[in-house]
């Protein structure tokens, strides 16, 4: 029950975070859309990676807002999200299948790593640009566009590669 309350409070929060709940929803919708359309696992992995990073940032900000900070909390949050996402996929043989590889790496894992990196870079870039502009976005929904746009671009690239 407490976990549901914590998750729900993240969704209804009115404070502006570095990555907003709308971003998190958009990434989650992207995951569902790729699976529904039968798109390659590499593309799905991109969105899973972005989703994980979005959840990490939201959780980290939630902790900091409530002054729940301790040594290594960012690392622990990150590890927990990756483990609870990747371990069940590995144990159910979704990750690690010998025929599901691109460039010698599992497609989902490859996508998760690349998606995590580009989503994180997009989020950091937004924060840096916002600081340069007196803490104001340059255009509406910039907070959503900057982390999501690289995922969309890479999705098109990997879709073409794996087609």
N, C-alpha and C. Protein backbone atom coordinates (compact mmCIF):
# COMPACT_ATOMS: atom_id res chain seq x y z
N UNK A 1 0.82 -1.19 0.00
CA UNK A 1 0.00 0.00 0.00
C UNK A 1 0.87 1.26 0.00
N UNK A 2 1.94 1.22 0.79
CA UNK A 2 2.83 2.38 0.87
C UNK A 2 3.49 2.63 -0.48
N UNK A 3 3.87 1.55 -1.19
CA UNK A 3 4.49 1.70 -2.51
C UNK A 3 3.52 2.35 -3.47
N UNK A 4 2.26 1.93 -3.46
CA UNK A 4 1.24 2.54 -4.31
C UNK A 4 1.12 4.02 -3.99
N UNK A 5 1.10 4.38 -2.71
CA UNK A 5 0.98 5.78 -2.32
C UNK A 5 2.16 6.60 -2.82
N UNK A 6 3.37 6.05 -2.69
CA UNK A 6 4.56 6.76 -3.17
C UNK A 6 4.50 6.96 -4.68
N UNK A 7 4.13 5.91 -5.42
CA UNK A 7 4.02 6.01 -6.87
C UNK A 7 2.95 7.02 -7.25
N UNK A 8 1.80 6.95 -6.59
CA UNK A 8 0.70 7.87 -6.89
C UNK A 8 1.09 9.30 -6.59
N UNK A 9 1.81 9.53 -5.50
CA UNK A 9 2.22 10.89 -5.16
C UNK A 9 3.19 11.46 -6.19
N UNK A 10 3.98 10.61 -6.82
CA UNK A 10 4.85 11.07 -7.89
C UNK A 10 4.03 11.52 -9.11
N UNK A 11 2.96 10.81 -9.38
CA UNK A 11 2.14 11.14 -10.53
C UNK A 11 1.35 12.44 -10.37
N UNK A 12 0.91 12.75 -9.15
CA UNK A 12 0.08 13.93 -8.96
C UNK A 12 0.86 15.13 -8.46
N UNK A 13 2.15 14.99 -8.35
CA UNK A 13 2.98 16.08 -7.85
C UNK A 13 2.89 17.29 -8.76
N UNK A 14 2.80 18.49 -8.17
CA UNK A 14 2.71 19.71 -8.95
C UNK A 14 4.04 20.43 -9.07
N UNK A 15 5.05 19.99 -8.35
CA UNK A 15 6.36 20.60 -8.42
C UNK A 15 7.03 20.23 -9.73
N UNK A 16 7.73 21.16 -10.34
CA UNK A 16 8.44 20.89 -11.58
C UNK A 16 9.72 20.12 -11.28
N UNK A 17 9.86 18.96 -11.88
CA UNK A 17 11.05 18.15 -11.73
C UNK A 17 11.91 18.28 -12.97
N UNK A 18 13.15 17.81 -12.91
CA UNK A 18 14.03 17.82 -14.08
C UNK A 18 13.43 16.98 -15.19
N UNK A 19 12.80 15.89 -14.84
CA UNK A 19 12.06 15.08 -15.79
C UNK A 19 10.66 14.98 -15.22
N UNK A 20 9.68 15.37 -15.99
CA UNK A 20 8.33 15.44 -15.45
C UNK A 20 7.60 14.10 -15.60
N UNK A 21 6.51 13.93 -14.86
CA UNK A 21 5.72 12.71 -15.01
C UNK A 21 5.18 12.52 -16.42
N UNK A 22 4.97 13.63 -17.15
CA UNK A 22 4.52 13.52 -18.54
C UNK A 22 5.57 12.80 -19.38
N UNK A 23 6.86 13.10 -19.14
CA UNK A 23 7.95 12.39 -19.83
C UNK A 23 7.89 10.91 -19.52
N UNK A 24 7.72 10.62 -18.26
CA UNK A 24 7.67 9.23 -17.84
C UNK A 24 6.52 8.50 -18.52
N UNK A 25 5.38 9.14 -18.60
CA UNK A 25 4.23 8.55 -19.28
C UNK A 25 4.52 8.37 -20.77
N UNK A 26 5.15 9.37 -21.39
CA UNK A 26 5.46 9.29 -22.82
C UNK A 26 6.40 8.13 -23.12
N UNK A 27 7.40 7.95 -22.28
CA UNK A 27 8.32 6.83 -22.48
C UNK A 27 7.59 5.51 -22.29
N UNK A 28 6.75 5.42 -21.26
CA UNK A 28 5.98 4.20 -21.04
C UNK A 28 5.06 3.89 -22.21
N UNK A 29 4.44 4.92 -22.75
CA UNK A 29 3.58 4.73 -23.92
C UNK A 29 4.39 4.26 -25.12
N UNK A 30 5.62 4.77 -25.24
CA UNK A 30 6.50 4.34 -26.32
C UNK A 30 6.83 2.86 -26.25
N UNK A 31 7.04 2.37 -25.03
CA UNK A 31 7.32 0.94 -24.84
C UNK A 31 6.13 0.11 -25.32
N UNK A 32 4.95 0.49 -24.87
CA UNK A 32 3.75 -0.24 -25.27
C UNK A 32 3.51 -0.19 -26.77
N UNK A 33 3.75 0.95 -27.36
CA UNK A 33 3.53 1.11 -28.80
C UNK A 33 4.48 0.23 -29.61
N UNK A 34 5.75 0.18 -29.22
CA UNK A 34 6.70 -0.66 -29.98
C UNK A 34 6.32 -2.13 -29.90
N UNK A 35 5.91 -2.58 -28.72
CA UNK A 35 5.51 -3.98 -28.58
C UNK A 35 4.24 -4.26 -29.40
N UNK A 36 3.29 -3.38 -29.36
CA UNK A 36 2.03 -3.56 -30.08
C UNK A 36 2.26 -3.63 -31.58
N UNK A 37 3.17 -2.82 -32.07
CA UNK A 37 3.44 -2.76 -33.51
C UNK A 37 4.40 -3.84 -33.98
N UNK A 38 4.93 -4.62 -33.08
CA UNK A 38 5.86 -5.68 -33.46
C UNK A 38 7.23 -5.16 -33.88
N UNK A 39 7.63 -4.05 -33.34
CA UNK A 39 8.91 -3.44 -33.68
C UNK A 39 10.03 -4.18 -32.97
N UNK A 40 11.21 -4.16 -33.56
CA UNK A 40 12.37 -4.90 -33.07
C UNK A 40 12.68 -4.59 -31.61
N UNK A 41 13.24 -5.57 -30.93
CA UNK A 41 13.57 -5.45 -29.50
C UNK A 41 14.60 -4.37 -29.20
N UNK A 42 15.45 -4.04 -30.16
CA UNK A 42 16.41 -2.96 -29.93
C UNK A 42 15.70 -1.65 -29.72
N UNK A 43 14.69 -1.41 -30.52
CA UNK A 43 13.91 -0.17 -30.40
C UNK A 43 13.15 -0.17 -29.07
N UNK A 44 12.57 -1.29 -28.72
CA UNK A 44 11.88 -1.40 -27.45
C UNK A 44 12.85 -1.14 -26.30
N UNK A 45 14.04 -1.69 -26.39
CA UNK A 45 15.06 -1.49 -25.38
C UNK A 45 15.43 -0.02 -25.20
N UNK A 46 15.45 0.74 -26.30
CA UNK A 46 15.72 2.18 -26.20
C UNK A 46 14.72 2.84 -25.25
N UNK A 47 13.46 2.51 -25.43
CA UNK A 47 12.41 3.13 -24.62
C UNK A 47 12.42 2.61 -23.19
N UNK A 48 12.77 1.36 -23.02
CA UNK A 48 12.91 0.82 -21.66
C UNK A 48 14.02 1.57 -20.93
N UNK A 49 15.15 1.77 -21.59
CA UNK A 49 16.26 2.51 -20.99
C UNK A 49 15.86 3.93 -20.63
N UNK A 50 15.16 4.60 -21.53
CA UNK A 50 14.69 5.96 -21.24
C UNK A 50 13.72 5.98 -20.08
N UNK A 51 12.85 4.99 -20.03
CA UNK A 51 11.87 4.89 -18.95
C UNK A 51 12.56 4.69 -17.60
N UNK A 52 13.58 3.83 -17.59
CA UNK A 52 14.31 3.58 -16.34
C UNK A 52 14.98 4.87 -15.85
N UNK A 53 15.65 5.57 -16.75
CA UNK A 53 16.32 6.82 -16.35
C UNK A 53 15.30 7.85 -15.87
N UNK A 54 14.16 7.92 -16.52
CA UNK A 54 13.11 8.84 -16.09
C UNK A 54 12.65 8.51 -14.67
N UNK A 55 12.46 7.23 -14.38
CA UNK A 55 12.05 6.82 -13.04
C UNK A 55 13.14 7.11 -12.01
N UNK A 56 14.39 6.90 -12.40
CA UNK A 56 15.51 7.19 -11.49
C UNK A 56 15.52 8.67 -11.13
N UNK A 57 15.39 9.52 -12.12
CA UNK A 57 15.43 10.97 -11.88
C UNK A 57 14.24 11.40 -11.02
N UNK A 58 13.07 10.88 -11.34
CA UNK A 58 11.88 11.23 -10.53
C UNK A 58 12.05 10.78 -9.08
N UNK A 59 12.55 9.58 -8.89
CA UNK A 59 12.73 9.05 -7.53
C UNK A 59 13.79 9.84 -6.78
N UNK A 60 14.90 10.12 -7.43
CA UNK A 60 15.98 10.92 -6.82
C UNK A 60 15.45 12.28 -6.39
N UNK A 61 14.69 12.93 -7.25
CA UNK A 61 14.12 14.24 -6.91
C UNK A 61 13.11 14.13 -5.77
N UNK A 62 12.35 13.05 -5.74
CA UNK A 62 11.38 12.84 -4.67
C UNK A 62 12.12 12.70 -3.34
N UNK A 63 13.18 11.90 -3.33
CA UNK A 63 14.00 11.73 -2.12
C UNK A 63 14.55 13.07 -1.66
N UNK A 64 15.13 13.83 -2.58
CA UNK A 64 15.77 15.09 -2.22
C UNK A 64 14.75 16.12 -1.73
N UNK A 65 13.58 16.12 -2.31
CA UNK A 65 12.54 17.06 -1.87
C UNK A 65 12.13 16.80 -0.43
N UNK A 66 12.20 15.56 -0.02
CA UNK A 66 11.82 15.18 1.34
C UNK A 66 13.03 15.04 2.26
N UNK A 67 14.18 15.53 1.81
CA UNK A 67 15.43 15.47 2.57
C UNK A 67 15.81 14.05 3.00
N UNK A 68 15.53 13.10 2.14
CA UNK A 68 15.93 11.71 2.39
C UNK A 68 17.20 11.48 1.57
N UNK A 69 18.30 11.92 2.09
CA UNK A 69 19.57 11.77 1.39
C UNK A 69 20.56 11.06 2.31
N UNK A 70 21.30 10.13 1.75
CA UNK A 70 22.30 9.39 2.49
C UNK A 70 23.38 8.98 1.49
N UNK A 71 24.47 8.53 2.01
CA UNK A 71 25.61 8.16 1.17
C UNK A 71 25.20 7.08 0.16
N UNK A 72 25.38 7.36 -1.12
CA UNK A 72 25.13 6.39 -2.16
C UNK A 72 23.69 6.23 -2.59
N UNK A 73 22.80 7.14 -2.16
CA UNK A 73 21.38 6.95 -2.48
C UNK A 73 21.11 6.99 -3.98
N UNK A 74 21.84 7.81 -4.72
CA UNK A 74 21.65 7.88 -6.18
C UNK A 74 22.05 6.56 -6.84
N UNK A 75 23.16 6.00 -6.39
CA UNK A 75 23.62 4.73 -6.93
C UNK A 75 22.65 3.61 -6.59
N UNK A 76 22.17 3.61 -5.36
CA UNK A 76 21.23 2.57 -4.92
C UNK A 76 19.93 2.66 -5.72
N UNK A 77 19.41 3.86 -5.88
CA UNK A 77 18.18 4.04 -6.66
C UNK A 77 18.38 3.51 -8.08
N UNK A 78 19.49 3.89 -8.70
CA UNK A 78 19.78 3.46 -10.07
C UNK A 78 19.88 1.94 -10.16
N UNK A 79 20.64 1.36 -9.26
CA UNK A 79 20.82 -0.10 -9.30
C UNK A 79 19.51 -0.84 -9.10
N UNK A 80 18.69 -0.36 -8.18
CA UNK A 80 17.41 -1.02 -7.92
C UNK A 80 16.54 -1.02 -9.17
N UNK A 81 16.43 0.12 -9.83
CA UNK A 81 15.59 0.18 -11.04
C UNK A 81 16.10 -0.71 -12.16
N UNK A 82 17.43 -0.72 -12.36
CA UNK A 82 17.96 -1.58 -13.42
C UNK A 82 17.80 -3.06 -13.07
N UNK A 83 18.04 -3.42 -11.81
CA UNK A 83 17.92 -4.82 -11.41
C UNK A 83 16.47 -5.29 -11.52
N UNK A 84 15.52 -4.51 -11.01
CA UNK A 84 14.12 -4.95 -11.05
C UNK A 84 13.55 -4.95 -12.46
N UNK A 85 14.22 -4.29 -13.38
CA UNK A 85 13.78 -4.33 -14.78
C UNK A 85 14.47 -5.45 -15.55
N UNK A 86 15.79 -5.53 -15.44
CA UNK A 86 16.55 -6.45 -16.27
C UNK A 86 16.54 -7.88 -15.74
N UNK A 87 16.62 -8.07 -14.43
CA UNK A 87 16.67 -9.42 -13.87
C UNK A 87 15.45 -10.27 -14.26
N UNK A 88 14.23 -9.77 -14.13
CA UNK A 88 13.08 -10.60 -14.55
C UNK A 88 13.10 -10.91 -16.05
N UNK A 89 13.58 -9.98 -16.86
CA UNK A 89 13.68 -10.25 -18.30
C UNK A 89 14.72 -11.33 -18.58
N UNK A 90 15.80 -11.32 -17.82
CA UNK A 90 16.84 -12.34 -17.97
C UNK A 90 16.33 -13.70 -17.48
N UNK A 91 15.69 -13.71 -16.33
CA UNK A 91 15.21 -14.97 -15.75
C UNK A 91 14.12 -15.61 -16.60
N UNK A 92 13.38 -14.80 -17.34
CA UNK A 92 12.34 -15.35 -18.21
C UNK A 92 12.84 -15.57 -19.64
N UNK A 93 14.15 -15.50 -19.83
CA UNK A 93 14.80 -15.74 -21.12
C UNK A 93 14.40 -14.76 -22.22
N UNK A 94 13.93 -13.61 -21.85
CA UNK A 94 13.67 -12.57 -22.84
C UNK A 94 14.98 -11.88 -23.20
N UNK A 95 15.83 -11.68 -22.20
CA UNK A 95 17.18 -11.19 -22.42
C UNK A 95 18.12 -12.38 -22.37
N UNK A 96 19.03 -12.47 -23.31
CA UNK A 96 20.01 -13.54 -23.31
C UNK A 96 19.77 -14.62 -24.34
N UNK A 97 18.71 -14.49 -25.12
CA UNK A 97 18.43 -15.47 -26.16
C UNK A 97 19.51 -15.35 -27.25
N UNK A 98 20.08 -16.47 -27.64
CA UNK A 98 21.23 -16.45 -28.56
C UNK A 98 20.89 -15.91 -29.95
N UNK A 99 19.64 -15.99 -30.37
CA UNK A 99 19.26 -15.51 -31.70
C UNK A 99 18.75 -14.07 -31.69
N UNK A 100 18.75 -13.43 -30.54
CA UNK A 100 18.23 -12.07 -30.43
C UNK A 100 19.37 -11.09 -30.15
N UNK A 101 20.32 -11.03 -31.10
CA UNK A 101 21.50 -10.19 -30.91
C UNK A 101 21.69 -9.25 -32.09
N UNK A 102 22.29 -8.12 -31.79
CA UNK A 102 22.71 -7.16 -32.81
C UNK A 102 24.13 -6.75 -32.42
N UNK A 103 25.04 -6.89 -33.36
CA UNK A 103 26.45 -6.57 -33.12
C UNK A 103 27.02 -7.40 -31.96
N UNK A 104 26.50 -8.61 -31.77
CA UNK A 104 26.99 -9.50 -30.74
C UNK A 104 26.46 -9.22 -29.34
N UNK A 105 25.53 -8.27 -29.22
CA UNK A 105 24.97 -7.88 -27.93
C UNK A 105 23.46 -8.14 -27.97
N UNK A 106 22.91 -8.59 -26.86
CA UNK A 106 21.46 -8.78 -26.79
C UNK A 106 20.76 -7.50 -27.19
N UNK A 107 19.75 -7.60 -28.04
CA UNK A 107 19.07 -6.42 -28.58
C UNK A 107 18.43 -5.56 -27.50
N UNK A 108 17.77 -6.19 -26.55
CA UNK A 108 17.12 -5.41 -25.50
C UNK A 108 18.16 -4.71 -24.63
N UNK A 109 19.21 -5.42 -24.25
CA UNK A 109 20.26 -4.80 -23.43
C UNK A 109 20.95 -3.66 -24.18
N UNK A 110 21.23 -3.87 -25.45
CA UNK A 110 21.83 -2.81 -26.26
C UNK A 110 20.93 -1.58 -26.27
N UNK A 111 19.65 -1.81 -26.50
CA UNK A 111 18.70 -0.70 -26.50
C UNK A 111 18.60 -0.02 -25.16
N UNK A 112 18.59 -0.80 -24.07
CA UNK A 112 18.50 -0.22 -22.73
C UNK A 112 19.70 0.68 -22.44
N UNK A 113 20.88 0.20 -22.78
CA UNK A 113 22.10 0.99 -22.52
C UNK A 113 22.08 2.28 -23.33
N UNK A 114 21.83 2.17 -24.63
CA UNK A 114 21.84 3.37 -25.48
C UNK A 114 20.69 4.30 -25.11
N UNK A 115 19.51 3.75 -24.88
CA UNK A 115 18.36 4.57 -24.49
C UNK A 115 18.58 5.30 -23.18
N UNK A 116 19.21 4.62 -22.23
CA UNK A 116 19.52 5.25 -20.93
C UNK A 116 20.46 6.43 -21.12
N UNK A 117 21.49 6.21 -21.92
CA UNK A 117 22.49 7.26 -22.13
C UNK A 117 21.88 8.48 -22.82
N UNK A 118 21.14 8.27 -23.91
CA UNK A 118 20.62 9.43 -24.65
C UNK A 118 19.52 10.15 -23.88
N UNK A 119 18.70 9.41 -23.13
CA UNK A 119 17.67 10.07 -22.33
C UNK A 119 18.32 10.93 -21.25
N UNK A 120 19.36 10.39 -20.61
CA UNK A 120 20.07 11.13 -19.57
C UNK A 120 20.73 12.38 -20.16
N UNK A 121 21.37 12.24 -21.31
CA UNK A 121 22.01 13.40 -21.95
C UNK A 121 20.96 14.45 -22.33
N UNK A 122 19.81 14.01 -22.83
CA UNK A 122 18.74 14.95 -23.17
C UNK A 122 18.24 15.70 -21.94
N UNK A 123 18.11 14.99 -20.81
CA UNK A 123 17.66 15.62 -19.57
C UNK A 123 18.68 16.62 -19.05
N UNK A 124 19.95 16.24 -19.07
CA UNK A 124 21.01 17.13 -18.61
C UNK A 124 21.11 18.36 -19.53
N UNK A 125 20.98 18.13 -20.82
CA UNK A 125 21.05 19.25 -21.78
C UNK A 125 19.92 20.25 -21.53
N UNK A 126 18.73 19.74 -21.25
CA UNK A 126 17.62 20.63 -20.94
C UNK A 126 17.95 21.50 -19.73
N UNK A 127 18.46 20.88 -18.68
CA UNK A 127 18.79 21.64 -17.46
C UNK A 127 19.85 22.70 -17.72
N UNK A 128 20.86 22.37 -18.52
CA UNK A 128 21.91 23.34 -18.83
C UNK A 128 21.38 24.49 -19.66
N UNK A 129 20.57 24.18 -20.67
CA UNK A 129 20.00 25.25 -21.50
C UNK A 129 19.06 26.14 -20.69
N UNK A 130 18.31 25.53 -19.80
CA UNK A 130 17.39 26.30 -18.96
C UNK A 130 18.15 27.25 -18.05
N UNK A 131 19.26 26.80 -17.48
CA UNK A 131 20.08 27.66 -16.63
C UNK A 131 20.63 28.85 -17.41
N UNK A 132 21.04 28.59 -18.66
CA UNK A 132 21.57 29.67 -19.50
C UNK A 132 20.51 30.70 -19.85
N UNK A 133 19.26 30.32 -19.78
CA UNK A 133 18.15 31.21 -20.16
C UNK A 133 17.38 31.69 -18.93
N UNK A 134 18.08 32.00 -17.86
CA UNK A 134 17.46 32.51 -16.62
C UNK A 134 16.39 31.57 -16.07
N UNK A 135 16.69 30.27 -16.08
CA UNK A 135 15.78 29.23 -15.59
C UNK A 135 14.43 29.21 -16.30
N UNK A 136 14.44 29.52 -17.57
CA UNK A 136 13.23 29.45 -18.39
C UNK A 136 13.51 28.59 -19.61
N UNK A 137 12.52 27.82 -20.02
CA UNK A 137 12.65 27.01 -21.22
C UNK A 137 12.64 27.91 -22.45
N UNK A 138 13.31 27.48 -23.49
CA UNK A 138 13.34 28.25 -24.73
C UNK A 138 12.04 28.12 -25.52
N UNK A 139 11.34 27.00 -25.35
CA UNK A 139 10.08 26.80 -26.07
C UNK A 139 9.18 25.92 -25.22
N UNK A 140 7.87 25.96 -25.47
CA UNK A 140 6.94 25.15 -24.67
C UNK A 140 7.25 23.65 -24.80
N UNK A 141 7.13 22.96 -23.70
CA UNK A 141 7.35 21.51 -23.61
C UNK A 141 8.78 21.10 -23.92
N UNK A 142 9.72 22.02 -23.77
CA UNK A 142 11.13 21.70 -23.98
C UNK A 142 11.58 20.60 -23.03
N UNK A 143 11.04 20.61 -21.82
CA UNK A 143 11.39 19.60 -20.82
C UNK A 143 11.03 18.19 -21.29
N UNK A 144 10.00 18.08 -22.11
CA UNK A 144 9.57 16.79 -22.64
C UNK A 144 10.32 16.47 -23.93
N UNK A 145 10.46 17.46 -24.78
CA UNK A 145 11.04 17.25 -26.11
C UNK A 145 12.51 16.83 -26.05
N UNK A 146 13.29 17.48 -25.22
CA UNK A 146 14.73 17.22 -25.23
C UNK A 146 15.11 15.79 -24.82
N UNK A 147 14.48 15.18 -23.82
CA UNK A 147 14.84 13.78 -23.53
C UNK A 147 14.20 12.78 -24.50
N UNK A 148 13.01 13.12 -25.03
CA UNK A 148 12.27 12.18 -25.87
C UNK A 148 12.74 12.20 -27.32
N UNK A 149 13.12 13.36 -27.83
CA UNK A 149 13.53 13.48 -29.24
C UNK A 149 14.67 12.53 -29.61
N UNK A 150 15.73 12.43 -28.79
CA UNK A 150 16.78 11.48 -29.15
C UNK A 150 16.29 10.03 -29.21
N UNK A 151 15.35 9.69 -28.34
CA UNK A 151 14.79 8.33 -28.39
C UNK A 151 14.01 8.10 -29.68
N UNK A 152 13.28 9.09 -30.11
CA UNK A 152 12.52 8.98 -31.36
C UNK A 152 13.46 8.84 -32.55
N UNK A 153 14.50 9.68 -32.60
CA UNK A 153 15.46 9.63 -33.70
C UNK A 153 16.18 8.29 -33.74
N UNK A 154 16.66 7.84 -32.58
CA UNK A 154 17.35 6.54 -32.53
C UNK A 154 16.40 5.39 -32.83
N UNK A 155 15.14 5.52 -32.46
CA UNK A 155 14.16 4.48 -32.79
C UNK A 155 14.04 4.32 -34.30
N UNK A 156 14.00 5.44 -35.01
CA UNK A 156 13.91 5.38 -36.47
C UNK A 156 15.18 4.77 -37.07
N UNK A 157 16.34 5.14 -36.51
CA UNK A 157 17.60 4.60 -37.01
C UNK A 157 17.67 3.09 -36.78
N UNK A 158 17.38 2.64 -35.56
CA UNK A 158 17.46 1.21 -35.27
C UNK A 158 16.35 0.43 -35.98
N UNK A 159 15.21 1.03 -36.20
CA UNK A 159 14.16 0.36 -36.95
C UNK A 159 14.64 0.08 -38.37
N UNK A 160 15.33 1.07 -38.96
CA UNK A 160 15.87 0.91 -40.30
C UNK A 160 16.97 -0.14 -40.34
N UNK A 161 17.85 -0.12 -39.35
CA UNK A 161 18.95 -1.08 -39.28
C UNK A 161 18.45 -2.51 -39.15
N UNK A 162 17.45 -2.71 -38.33
CA UNK A 162 16.98 -4.07 -38.01
C UNK A 162 15.85 -4.55 -38.90
N UNK A 163 15.40 -3.75 -39.80
CA UNK A 163 14.26 -4.08 -40.67
C UNK A 163 14.58 -5.23 -41.58
